[in-house]
């Protein structure tokens, strides 16, 4: 039972990677620069892996009917894409993709232009890709299968946690910037300063979220942060100089007071010696 589940996990990662590769290559060719697609940091788009698993499991008993496979693949993947778009928009307050400008779309979340390839892909997966991949997955020793699934699941879970944190911070940045305030909160400073590249990658992967996080202001915010750091550094240097001068002045004043005190003590000693000698002479004269 565990071995069968692990085989599905391997399929999930393979198709998630292939989905990421297909989207990244497509966007890279379109924009003529590398685009790392997907909202996760790693090279995978889980929606493709999840879609393939649903097709593989739910359509197992329809393998003999190619038309049922086609229409059910279309329905399953379309439902998954619509649900994913809806849930992510509700959670992160951002539309990650939008088909509103395409014909036969439903609320901009899915459209006929992408649904038909889902049906074709379902046929390819059930009749060609899965048999080919499972042939080699079945050849893996149990230990190798356990190791592979264990390592990749740990990496995937960590990636999910980090990526969701990044996206939630993007949502927080949207709140921080929406009033076009000049004062930048410490939290936003930390977000931009420490994770700037990760956020930039995410925005390039999903251009639709630029408006939600006011991406065009990030460079301005980063510039202000650097200026603030320079101002603070200058103030610290000035404060150090002032403190040093005060210490030097205090040392000089203390030295002068010590010298004056020494002179006074020396004068008192000389006066005492003079009085003592005078008293001794009078005593000797009286004898």
C-alpha atoms as a PDB file:
ATOM      1  CA  UNK A   1       0.000   0.000   0.000  1.00  0.00           C
ATOM      2  CA  UNK A   2       2.806   2.437   0.979  1.00  0.00           C
ATOM      3  CA  UNK A   3       4.735   1.520  -2.173  1.00  0.00           C
ATOM      4  CA  UNK A   4       1.707   2.351  -4.341  1.00  0.00           C
ATOM      5  CA  UNK A   5       1.289   5.727  -2.615  1.00  0.00           C
ATOM      6  CA  UNK A   6       4.985   6.482  -3.105  1.00  0.00           C
ATOM      7  CA  UNK A   7       4.649   5.712  -6.834  1.00  0.00           C
ATOM      8  CA  UNK A   8       1.865   8.286  -7.039  1.00  0.00           C
ATOM      9  CA  UNK A   9       4.098  10.756  -5.179  1.00  0.00           C
ATOM     10  CA  UNK A  10       6.854  10.197  -7.759  1.00  0.00           C
ATOM     11  CA  UNK A  11       4.338  10.767 -10.566  1.00  0.00           C
ATOM     12  CA  UNK A  12       3.184  13.955  -8.835  1.00  0.00           C
ATOM     13  CA  UNK A  13       6.718  15.381  -8.740  1.00  0.00           C
ATOM     14  CA  UNK A  14       7.539  14.326 -12.310  1.00  0.00           C
ATOM     15  CA  UNK A  15       4.448  15.986 -13.770  1.00  0.00           C
ATOM     16  CA  UNK A  16       4.798  19.021 -11.501  1.00  0.00           C
ATOM     17  CA  UNK A  17       8.306  19.502 -12.872  1.00  0.00           C
ATOM     18  CA  UNK A  18       7.184  18.948 -16.476  1.00  0.00           C
ATOM     19  CA  UNK A  19       4.368  21.470 -15.979  1.00  0.00           C
ATOM     20  CA  UNK A  20       6.850  24.006 -14.589  1.00  0.00           C
ATOM     21  CA  UNK A  21       9.227  23.317 -17.484  1.00  0.00           C
ATOM     22  CA  UNK A  22       6.492  23.762 -20.086  1.00  0.00           C
ATOM     23  CA  UNK A  23       5.271  27.069 -18.608  1.00  0.00           C
ATOM     24  CA  UNK A  24       8.766  28.446 -17.965  1.00  0.00           C
ATOM     25  CA  UNK A  25       9.982  27.641 -21.468  1.00  0.00           C
ATOM     26  CA  UNK A  26       6.819  29.117 -22.995  1.00  0.00           C
ATOM     27  CA  UNK A  27       7.096  32.361 -21.021  1.00  0.00           C
ATOM     28  CA  UNK A  28      10.857  32.560 -21.580  1.00  0.00           C
ATOM     29  CA  UNK A  29      10.385  32.343 -25.352  1.00  0.00           C
ATOM     30  CA  UNK A  30       7.525  34.866 -25.251  1.00  0.00           C
ATOM     31  CA  UNK A  31       9.390  37.427 -23.094  1.00  0.00           C
ATOM     32  CA  UNK A  32      12.881  36.628 -24.433  1.00  0.00           C
ATOM     33  CA  UNK A  33      14.274  36.270 -20.928  1.00  0.00           C
ATOM     34  CA  UNK A  34      14.175  33.484 -18.362  1.00  0.00           C
ATOM     35  CA  UNK A  35      10.966  33.351 -16.309  1.00  0.00           C
ATOM     36  CA  UNK A  36      10.723  30.999 -13.339  1.00  0.00           C
ATOM     37  CA  UNK A  37       7.032  30.101 -13.402  1.00  0.00           C
ATOM     38  CA  UNK A  38       5.059  28.857 -10.422  1.00  0.00           C
ATOM     39  CA  UNK A  39       4.409  30.414  -7.040  1.00  0.00           C
ATOM     40  CA  UNK A  40       6.805  27.983  -5.319  1.00  0.00           C
ATOM     41  CA  UNK A  41      10.548  28.555  -5.221  1.00  0.00           C
ATOM     42  CA  UNK A  42      11.485  25.144  -6.609  1.00  0.00           C
ATOM     43  CA  UNK A  43      11.102  23.988 -10.234  1.00  0.00           C
ATOM     44  CA  UNK A  44       7.591  22.561 -10.031  1.00  0.00           C
ATOM     45  CA  UNK A  45       3.955  23.602 -10.500  1.00  0.00           C
ATOM     46  CA  UNK A  46       1.883  21.388  -8.173  1.00  0.00           C
ATOM     47  CA  UNK A  47      -1.368  22.071 -10.030  1.00  0.00           C
ATOM     48  CA  UNK A  48      -0.067  19.896 -12.900  1.00  0.00           C
ATOM     49  CA  UNK A  49       0.973  17.088 -10.572  1.00  0.00           C
ATOM     50  CA  UNK A  50      -2.377  17.231  -8.768  1.00  0.00           C
ATOM     51  CA  UNK A  51      -4.278  17.232 -12.065  1.00  0.00           C
ATOM     52  CA  UNK A  52      -2.412  14.171 -13.336  1.00  0.00           C
ATOM     53  CA  UNK A  53      -2.991  12.294 -10.070  1.00  0.00           C
ATOM     54  CA  UNK A  54      -6.720  13.031 -10.236  1.00  0.00           C
ATOM     55  CA  UNK A  55      -6.871  11.855 -13.857  1.00  0.00           C
ATOM     56  CA  UNK A  56      -4.811   8.746 -13.102  1.00  0.00           C
ATOM     57  CA  UNK A  57      -6.881   7.716 -10.070  1.00  0.00           C
ATOM     58  CA  UNK A  58     -10.396   8.750 -11.139  1.00  0.00           C
ATOM     59  CA  UNK A  59     -10.179   7.562 -14.751  1.00  0.00           C
ATOM     60  CA  UNK A  60      -8.528   4.193 -14.085  1.00  0.00           C
ATOM     61  CA  UNK A  61     -11.747   2.278 -14.892  1.00  0.00           C
ATOM     62  CA  UNK A  62     -12.358   4.242 -18.124  1.00  0.00           C
ATOM     63  CA  UNK A  63      -9.079   3.336 -19.807  1.00  0.00           C
ATOM     64  CA  UNK A  64     -10.908   1.482 -22.585  1.00  0.00           C
ATOM     65  CA  UNK A  65     -12.942   4.525 -23.675  1.00  0.00           C
ATOM     66  CA  UNK A  66     -10.847   7.303 -25.202  1.00  0.00           C
ATOM     67  CA  UNK A  67     -13.752   9.770 -25.466  1.00  0.00           C
ATOM     68  CA  UNK A  68     -14.706   9.426 -21.800  1.00  0.00           C
ATOM     69  CA  UNK A  69     -11.025   9.913 -20.973  1.00  0.00           C
ATOM     70  CA  UNK A  70     -10.957  13.072 -23.077  1.00  0.00           C
ATOM     71  CA  UNK A  71     -14.093  14.704 -21.643  1.00  0.00           C
ATOM     72  CA  UNK A  72     -13.456  13.593 -18.050  1.00  0.00           C
ATOM     73  CA  UNK A  73      -9.861  14.929 -18.237  1.00  0.00           C
ATOM     74  CA  UNK A  74     -11.240  18.211 -19.533  1.00  0.00           C
ATOM     75  CA  UNK A  75     -13.800  18.354 -16.701  1.00  0.00           C
ATOM     76  CA  UNK A  76     -11.403  17.313 -13.908  1.00  0.00           C
ATOM     77  CA  UNK A  77      -8.588  19.694 -14.912  1.00  0.00           C
ATOM     78  CA  UNK A  78     -11.001  22.552 -15.594  1.00  0.00           C
ATOM     79  CA  UNK A  79     -12.607  22.126 -12.166  1.00  0.00           C
ATOM     80  CA  UNK A  80      -9.179  21.964 -10.515  1.00  0.00           C
ATOM     81  CA  UNK A  81      -7.956  25.109 -12.289  1.00  0.00           C
ATOM     82  CA  UNK A  82     -11.134  27.034 -11.439  1.00  0.00           C
ATOM     83  CA  UNK A  83     -11.040  25.948  -7.773  1.00  0.00           C
ATOM     84  CA  UNK A  84      -7.324  26.768  -7.472  1.00  0.00           C
ATOM     85  CA  UNK A  85      -7.817  30.238  -8.967  1.00  0.00           C
ATOM     86  CA  UNK A  86     -10.792  30.944  -6.696  1.00  0.00           C
ATOM     87  CA  UNK A  87      -9.117  29.718  -3.481  1.00  0.00           C
ATOM     88  CA  UNK A  88      -5.817  31.524  -4.133  1.00  0.00           C
ATOM     89  CA  UNK A  89      -7.631  34.756  -4.919  1.00  0.00           C
ATOM     90  CA  UNK A  90      -9.645  34.509  -1.691  1.00  0.00           C
ATOM     91  CA  UNK A  91      -6.577  33.753   0.410  1.00  0.00           C
ATOM     92  CA  UNK A  92      -4.078  36.176  -1.153  1.00  0.00           C
ATOM     93  CA  UNK A  93      -6.460  38.809  -2.584  1.00  0.00           C
ATOM     94  CA  UNK A  94      -4.757  38.527  -5.977  1.00  0.00           C
ATOM     95  CA  UNK A  95      -5.757  37.062  -9.366  1.00  0.00           C
ATOM     96  CA  UNK A  96      -2.888  34.813 -10.385  1.00  0.00           C
ATOM     97  CA  UNK A  97      -4.078  34.281 -13.955  1.00  0.00           C
ATOM     98  CA  UNK A  98      -6.918  35.804 -15.945  1.00  0.00           C
ATOM     99  CA  UNK A  99      -8.543  34.565 -19.157  1.00  0.00           C
ATOM    100  CA  UNK A 100     -11.113  37.374 -19.325  1.00  0.00           C
ATOM    101  CA  UNK A 101      -9.796  38.525 -22.701  1.00  0.00           C
ATOM    102  CA  UNK A 102     -10.220  35.055 -24.238  1.00  0.00           C
ATOM    103  CA  UNK A 103     -13.386  33.621 -25.751  1.00  0.00           C
ATOM    104  CA  UNK A 104     -15.621  31.158 -23.896  1.00  0.00           C
ATOM    105  CA  UNK A 105     -14.152  31.871 -20.452  1.00  0.00           C
ATOM    106  CA  UNK A 106     -15.858  31.409 -17.095  1.00  0.00           C
ATOM    107  CA  UNK A 107     -15.182  34.358 -14.766  1.00  0.00           C
ATOM    108  CA  UNK A 108     -11.715  34.635 -16.303  1.00  0.00           C
ATOM    109  CA  UNK A 109     -10.583  31.540 -14.378  1.00  0.00           C
ATOM    110  CA  UNK A 110     -10.865  28.926 -17.121  1.00  0.00           C
ATOM    111  CA  UNK A 111     -11.506  29.067 -20.875  1.00  0.00           C
ATOM    112  CA  UNK A 112     -12.139  26.695 -23.750  1.00  0.00           C
ATOM    113  CA  UNK A 113      -8.731  27.481 -25.241  1.00  0.00           C
ATOM    114  CA  UNK A 114      -6.996  25.823 -22.272  1.00  0.00           C
ATOM    115  CA  UNK A 115      -9.627  23.160 -21.523  1.00  0.00           C
ATOM    116  CA  UNK A 116      -9.269  21.353 -24.857  1.00  0.00           C
ATOM    117  CA  UNK A 117      -5.495  20.842 -24.377  1.00  0.00           C
ATOM    118  CA  UNK A 118      -6.350  19.384 -20.938  1.00  0.00           C
ATOM    119  CA  UNK A 119      -8.488  16.737 -22.618  1.00  0.00           C
ATOM    120  CA  UNK A 120      -5.780  15.922 -25.151  1.00  0.00           C
ATOM    121  CA  UNK A 121      -3.160  15.839 -22.411  1.00  0.00           C
ATOM    122  CA  UNK A 122      -5.366  13.438 -20.425  1.00  0.00           C
ATOM    123  CA  UNK A 123      -5.396  10.985 -23.333  1.00  0.00           C
ATOM    124  CA  UNK A 124      -1.624  11.289 -23.744  1.00  0.00           C
ATOM    125  CA  UNK A 125      -1.057  10.766 -20.002  1.00  0.00           C
ATOM    126  CA  UNK A 126      -3.340   7.735 -19.631  1.00  0.00           C
ATOM    127  CA  UNK A 127      -2.306   5.874 -22.785  1.00  0.00           C
ATOM    128  CA  UNK A 128       1.343   6.894 -23.315  1.00  0.00           C
ATOM    129  CA  UNK A 129       3.086   8.850 -20.521  1.00  0.00           C
ATOM    130  CA  UNK A 130       1.890   6.924 -17.451  1.00  0.00           C
ATOM    131  CA  UNK A 131       2.666   3.429 -18.816  1.00  0.00           C
ATOM    132  CA  UNK A 132       6.127   4.627 -19.869  1.00  0.00           C
ATOM    133  CA  UNK A 133       6.928   6.304 -16.527  1.00  0.00           C
ATOM    134  CA  UNK A 134       5.407   3.571 -14.336  1.00  0.00           C
ATOM    135  CA  UNK A 135       7.496   0.976 -16.194  1.00  0.00           C
ATOM    136  CA  UNK A 136      10.678   2.641 -14.875  1.00  0.00           C
ATOM    137  CA  UNK A 137       9.234   3.627 -11.493  1.00  0.00           C
ATOM    138  CA  UNK A 138       8.343  -0.039 -10.883  1.00  0.00           C
ATOM    139  CA  UNK A 139      11.984  -0.955 -11.541  1.00  0.00           C
ATOM    140  CA  UNK A 140      13.182   1.216  -8.632  1.00  0.00           C
ATOM    141  CA  UNK A 141      14.248  -0.683  -5.485  1.00  0.00           C
ATOM    142  CA  UNK A 142      12.026  -0.078  -2.469  1.00  0.00           C
ATOM    143  CA  UNK A 143      14.844   1.704  -0.600  1.00  0.00           C
ATOM    144  CA  UNK A 144      15.454   4.082  -3.512  1.00  0.00           C
ATOM    145  CA  UNK A 145      11.721   4.772  -3.753  1.00  0.00           C
ATOM    146  CA  UNK A 146      11.471   5.475   0.004  1.00  0.00           C
ATOM    147  CA  UNK A 147      14.533   7.753  -0.120  1.00  0.00           C
ATOM    148  CA  UNK A 148      13.375   9.676  -3.182  1.00  0.00           C
ATOM    149  CA  UNK A 149       9.856  10.317  -1.910  1.00  0.00           C
ATOM    150  CA  UNK A 150      11.076  11.175   1.608  1.00  0.00           C
ATOM    151  CA  UNK A 151      13.651  13.737   0.451  1.00  0.00           C
ATOM    152  CA  UNK A 152      11.371  15.390  -2.076  1.00  0.00           C
ATOM    153  CA  UNK A 153       8.411  15.545   0.307  1.00  0.00           C
ATOM    154  CA  UNK A 154      10.552  17.301   2.937  1.00  0.00           C
ATOM    155  CA  UNK A 155      11.876  19.780   0.345  1.00  0.00           C
ATOM    156  CA  UNK A 156       8.356  20.344  -0.999  1.00  0.00           C
ATOM    157  CA  UNK A 157       6.829  20.976   2.447  1.00  0.00           C
ATOM    158  CA  UNK A 158       9.599  23.451   3.357  1.00  0.00           C
ATOM    159  CA  UNK A 159       9.137  25.181  -0.014  1.00  0.00           C
ATOM    160  CA  UNK A 160       5.372  25.410   0.567  1.00  0.00           C
ATOM    161  CA  UNK A 161       5.866  27.011   3.995  1.00  0.00           C
ATOM    162  CA  UNK A 162       8.458  29.534   2.772  1.00  0.00           C
ATOM    163  CA  UNK A 163       6.519  30.377  -0.411  1.00  0.00           C
ATOM    164  CA  UNK A 164       3.232  30.890   1.433  1.00  0.00           C
ATOM    165  CA  UNK A 165       5.045  33.146   3.898  1.00  0.00           C
ATOM    166  CA  UNK A 166       6.411  35.184   0.973  1.00  0.00           C
ATOM    167  CA  UNK A 167       2.980  35.478  -0.632  1.00  0.00           C
ATOM    168  CA  UNK A 168       1.372  36.501   2.660  1.00  0.00           C
ATOM    169  CA  UNK A 169       4.080  39.135   3.060  1.00  0.00           C
ATOM    170  CA  UNK A 170       3.282  40.384  -0.447  1.00  0.00           C
ATOM    171  CA  UNK A 171      -0.296  40.749   0.737  1.00  0.00           C
ATOM    172  CA  UNK A 172       0.985  42.683   3.775  1.00  0.00           C
ATOM    173  CA  UNK A 173       3.054  44.923   1.493  1.00  0.00           C
ATOM    174  CA  UNK A 174      -0.086  45.700  -0.481  1.00  0.00           C
ATOM    175  CA  UNK A 175      -1.705  46.977   2.722  1.00  0.00           C
ATOM    176  CA  UNK A 176       1.391  48.968   3.712  1.00  0.00           C
ATOM    177  CA  UNK A 177       1.648  50.761   0.366  1.00  0.00           C
ATOM    178  CA  UNK A 178      -1.990  51.298  -0.549  1.00  0.00           C
ATOM    179  CA  UNK A 179      -2.149  54.768   1.007  1.00  0.00           C
ATOM    180  CA  UNK A 180       1.025  55.856  -0.798  1.00  0.00           C
ATOM    181  CA  UNK A 181       2.536  56.724   2.570  1.00  0.00           C
ATOM    182  CA  UNK A 182       6.122  58.000   2.721  1.00  0.00           C
ATOM    183  CA  UNK A 183       6.793  56.376   6.066  1.00  0.00           C
ATOM    184  CA  UNK A 184       7.798  52.754   5.522  1.00  0.00           C
ATOM    185  CA  UNK A 185       7.080  50.279   8.283  1.00  0.00           C
ATOM    186  CA  UNK A 186       9.918  48.228   9.749  1.00  0.00           C
ATOM    187  CA  UNK A 187       8.217  45.059   8.583  1.00  0.00           C
ATOM    188  CA  UNK A 188       8.116  46.158   4.966  1.00  0.00           C
ATOM    189  CA  UNK A 189      11.755  47.259   5.170  1.00  0.00           C
ATOM    190  CA  UNK A 190      12.663  43.785   6.340  1.00  0.00           C
ATOM    191  CA  UNK A 191      10.626  42.159   3.563  1.00  0.00           C
ATOM    192  CA  UNK A 192      12.214  44.188   0.765  1.00  0.00           C
ATOM    193  CA  UNK A 193      15.739  44.114   2.166  1.00  0.00           C
ATOM    194  CA  UNK A 194      15.992  40.390   2.939  1.00  0.00           C
ATOM    195  CA  UNK A 195      13.746  38.714   0.356  1.00  0.00           C
ATOM    196  CA  UNK A 196      13.705  41.175  -2.503  1.00  0.00           C
ATOM    197  CA  UNK A 197      14.831  38.683  -5.171  1.00  0.00           C
ATOM    198  CA  UNK A 198      12.222  36.098  -4.190  1.00  0.00           C
ATOM    199  CA  UNK A 199       9.404  38.641  -4.449  1.00  0.00           C
ATOM    200  CA  UNK A 200      10.714  39.949  -7.753  1.00  0.00           C
ATOM    201  CA  UNK A 201      10.775  36.365  -9.125  1.00  0.00           C
ATOM    202  CA  UNK A 202       7.192  35.783  -8.007  1.00  0.00           C
ATOM    203  CA  UNK A 203       5.948  38.973  -9.612  1.00  0.00           C
ATOM    204  CA  UNK A 204       7.738  38.137 -12.889  1.00  0.00           C
ATOM    205  CA  UNK A 205       6.148  34.672 -12.829  1.00  0.00           C
ATOM    206  CA  UNK A 206       2.655  36.094 -12.256  1.00  0.00           C
ATOM    207  CA  UNK A 207       2.440  39.592 -13.775  1.00  0.00           C
ATOM    208  CA  UNK A 208      -1.229  39.804 -12.757  1.00  0.00           C
ATOM    209  CA  UNK A 209      -0.280  40.415  -9.119  1.00  0.00           C
ATOM    210  CA  UNK A 210       1.870  43.490  -9.847  1.00  0.00           C
ATOM    211  CA  UNK A 211      -0.983  45.886  -9.202  1.00  0.00           C
ATOM    212  CA  UNK A 212      -1.977  44.168  -5.966  1.00  0.00           C
ATOM    213  CA  UNK A 213       1.471  44.545  -4.411  1.00  0.00           C
ATOM    214  CA  UNK A 214       2.300  47.912  -6.046  1.00  0.00           C
ATOM    215  CA  UNK A 215       5.383  46.366  -7.628  1.00  0.00           C
ATOM    216  CA  UNK A 216       6.314  49.586  -9.464  1.00  0.00           C
ATOM    217  CA  UNK A 217       7.058  51.214  -6.073  1.00  0.00           C
ATOM    218  CA  UNK A 218       9.446  48.531  -4.852  1.00  0.00           C
ATOM    219  CA  UNK A 219      12.538  50.146  -6.383  1.00  0.00           C
ATOM    220  CA  UNK A 220      11.510  53.468  -4.865  1.00  0.00           C
ATOM    221  CA  UNK A 221      11.004  51.829  -1.470  1.00  0.00           C
ATOM    222  CA  UNK A 222      14.337  50.045  -1.716  1.00  0.00           C
ATOM    223  CA  UNK A 223      16.052  53.338  -2.629  1.00  0.00           C
ATOM    224  CA  UNK A 224      14.487  55.051   0.385  1.00  0.00           C
ATOM    225  CA  UNK A 225      15.622  52.218   2.619  1.00  0.00           C
ATOM    226  CA  UNK A 226      19.207  52.559   1.361  1.00  0.00           C
ATOM    227  CA  UNK A 227      19.048  56.344   1.852  1.00  0.00           C
ATOM    228  CA  UNK A 228      17.740  55.821   5.383  1.00  0.00           C
ATOM    229  CA  UNK A 229      20.584  53.393   6.090  1.00  0.00           C
ATOM    230  CA  UNK A 230      23.128  55.952   4.829  1.00  0.00           C
ATOM    231  CA  UNK A 231      21.571  58.725   6.940  1.00  0.00           C
ATOM    232  CA  UNK A 232      21.654  56.497  10.007  1.00  0.00           C
ATOM    233  CA  UNK A 233      25.300  55.580   9.300  1.00  0.00           C
ATOM    234  CA  UNK A 234      26.209  59.287   8.984  1.00  0.00           C
ATOM    235  CA  UNK A 235      24.382  60.104  12.233  1.00  0.00           C
ATOM    236  CA  UNK A 236      26.164  57.261  14.000  1.00  0.00           C
ATOM    237  CA  UNK A 237      29.556  58.492  12.723  1.00  0.00           C
ATOM    238  CA  UNK A 238      28.731  62.062  13.828  1.00  0.00           C
ATOM    239  CA  UNK A 239      27.630  60.810  17.232  1.00  0.00           C
ATOM    240  CA  UNK A 240      30.839  58.823  17.573  1.00  0.00           C
ATOM    241  CA  UNK A 241      32.857  61.937  16.732  1.00  0.00           C
ATOM    242  CA  UNK A 242      30.916  64.055  19.223  1.00  0.00           C
ATOM    243  CA  UNK A 243      31.346  61.435  21.945  1.00  0.00           C
ATOM    244  CA  UNK A 244      35.056  61.190  21.166  1.00  0.00           C
ATOM    245  CA  UNK A 245      35.442  64.983  21.348  1.00  0.00           C
ATOM    246  CA  UNK A 246      33.547  65.098  24.648  1.00  0.00           C
ATOM    247  CA  UNK A 247      35.733  62.336  26.056  1.00  0.00           C
ATOM    248  CA  UNK A 248      38.906  64.146  24.900  1.00  0.00           C
ATOM    249  CA  UNK A 249      37.634  67.428  26.431  1.00  0.00           C
ATOM    250  CA  UNK A 250      36.747  65.671  29.663  1.00  0.00           C
ATOM    251  CA  UNK A 251      40.193  64.059  29.789  1.00  0.00           C
ATOM    252  CA  UNK A 252      41.818  67.461  29.204  1.00  0.00           C
ATOM    253  CA  UNK A 253      39.695  69.101  31.899  1.00  0.00           C
ATOM    254  CA  UNK A 254      40.458  66.286  34.318  1.00  0.00           C
ATOM    255  CA  UNK A 255      44.163  66.548  33.570  1.00  0.00           C
ATOM    256  CA  UNK A 256      44.075  70.316  34.180  1.00  0.00           C
ATOM    257  CA  UNK A 257      42.229  69.818  37.475  1.00  0.00           C
ATOM    258  CA  UNK A 258      44.766  67.195  38.548  1.00  0.00           C
ATOM    259  CA  UNK A 259      47.644  69.501  37.617  1.00  0.00           C
ATOM    260  CA  UNK A 260      45.999  72.362  39.518  1.00  0.00           C
ATOM    261  CA  UNK A 261      45.430  70.147  42.517  1.00  0.00           C
ATOM    262  CA  UNK A 262      49.066  69.025  42.424  1.00  0.00           C
ATOM    263  CA  UNK A 263      50.181  72.659  42.285  1.00  0.00           C
ATOM    264  CA  UNK A 264      47.926  73.564  45.230  1.00  0.00           C
ATOM    265  CA  UNK A 265      49.183  70.596  47.255  1.00  0.00           C
ATOM    266  CA  UNK A 266      52.781  71.493  46.386  1.00  0.00           C
ATOM    267  CA  UNK A 267      52.138  75.084  47.463  1.00  0.00           C
ATOM    268  CA  UNK A 268      50.591  73.918  50.716  1.00  0.00           C
ATOM    269  CA  UNK A 269      53.552  71.636  51.361  1.00  0.00           C
ATOM    270  CA  UNK A 270      56.015  74.442  50.637  1.00  0.00           C
ATOM    271  CA  UNK A 271      54.073  76.763  52.931  1.00  0.00           C
ATOM    272  CA  UNK A 272      54.051  74.126  55.670  1.00  0.00           C
ATOM    273  CA  UNK A 273      57.789  73.584  55.296  1.00  0.00           C
ATOM    274  CA  UNK A 274      58.413  77.326  55.492  1.00  0.00           C
ATOM    275  CA  UNK A 275      56.252  77.614  58.621  1.00  0.00           C
ATOM    276  CA  UNK A 276      58.015  74.630  60.184  1.00  0.00           C
ATOM    277  CA  UNK A 277      61.469  76.046  59.505  1.00  0.00           C
ATOM    278  CA  UNK A 278      60.412  79.440  60.858  1.00  0.00           C
ATOM    279  CA  UNK A 279      59.031  77.834  63.994  1.00  0.00           C
ATOM    280  CA  UNK A 280      62.246  75.814  64.448  1.00  0.00           C
ATOM    281  CA  UNK A 281      64.379  78.956  64.192  1.00  0.00           C
ATOM    282  CA  UNK A 282      62.312  80.762  66.832  1.00  0.00           C
ATOM    283  CA  UNK A 283      62.597  77.771  69.102  1.00  0.00           C
ATOM    284  CA  UNK A 284      66.378  77.667  68.684  1.00  0.00           C
ATOM    285  CA  UNK A 285      66.668  81.428  69.314  1.00  0.00           C
ATOM    286  CA  UNK A 286      64.641  81.158  72.530  1.00  0.00           C
ATOM    287  CA  UNK A 287      67.146  78.570  73.809  1.00  0.00           C
END
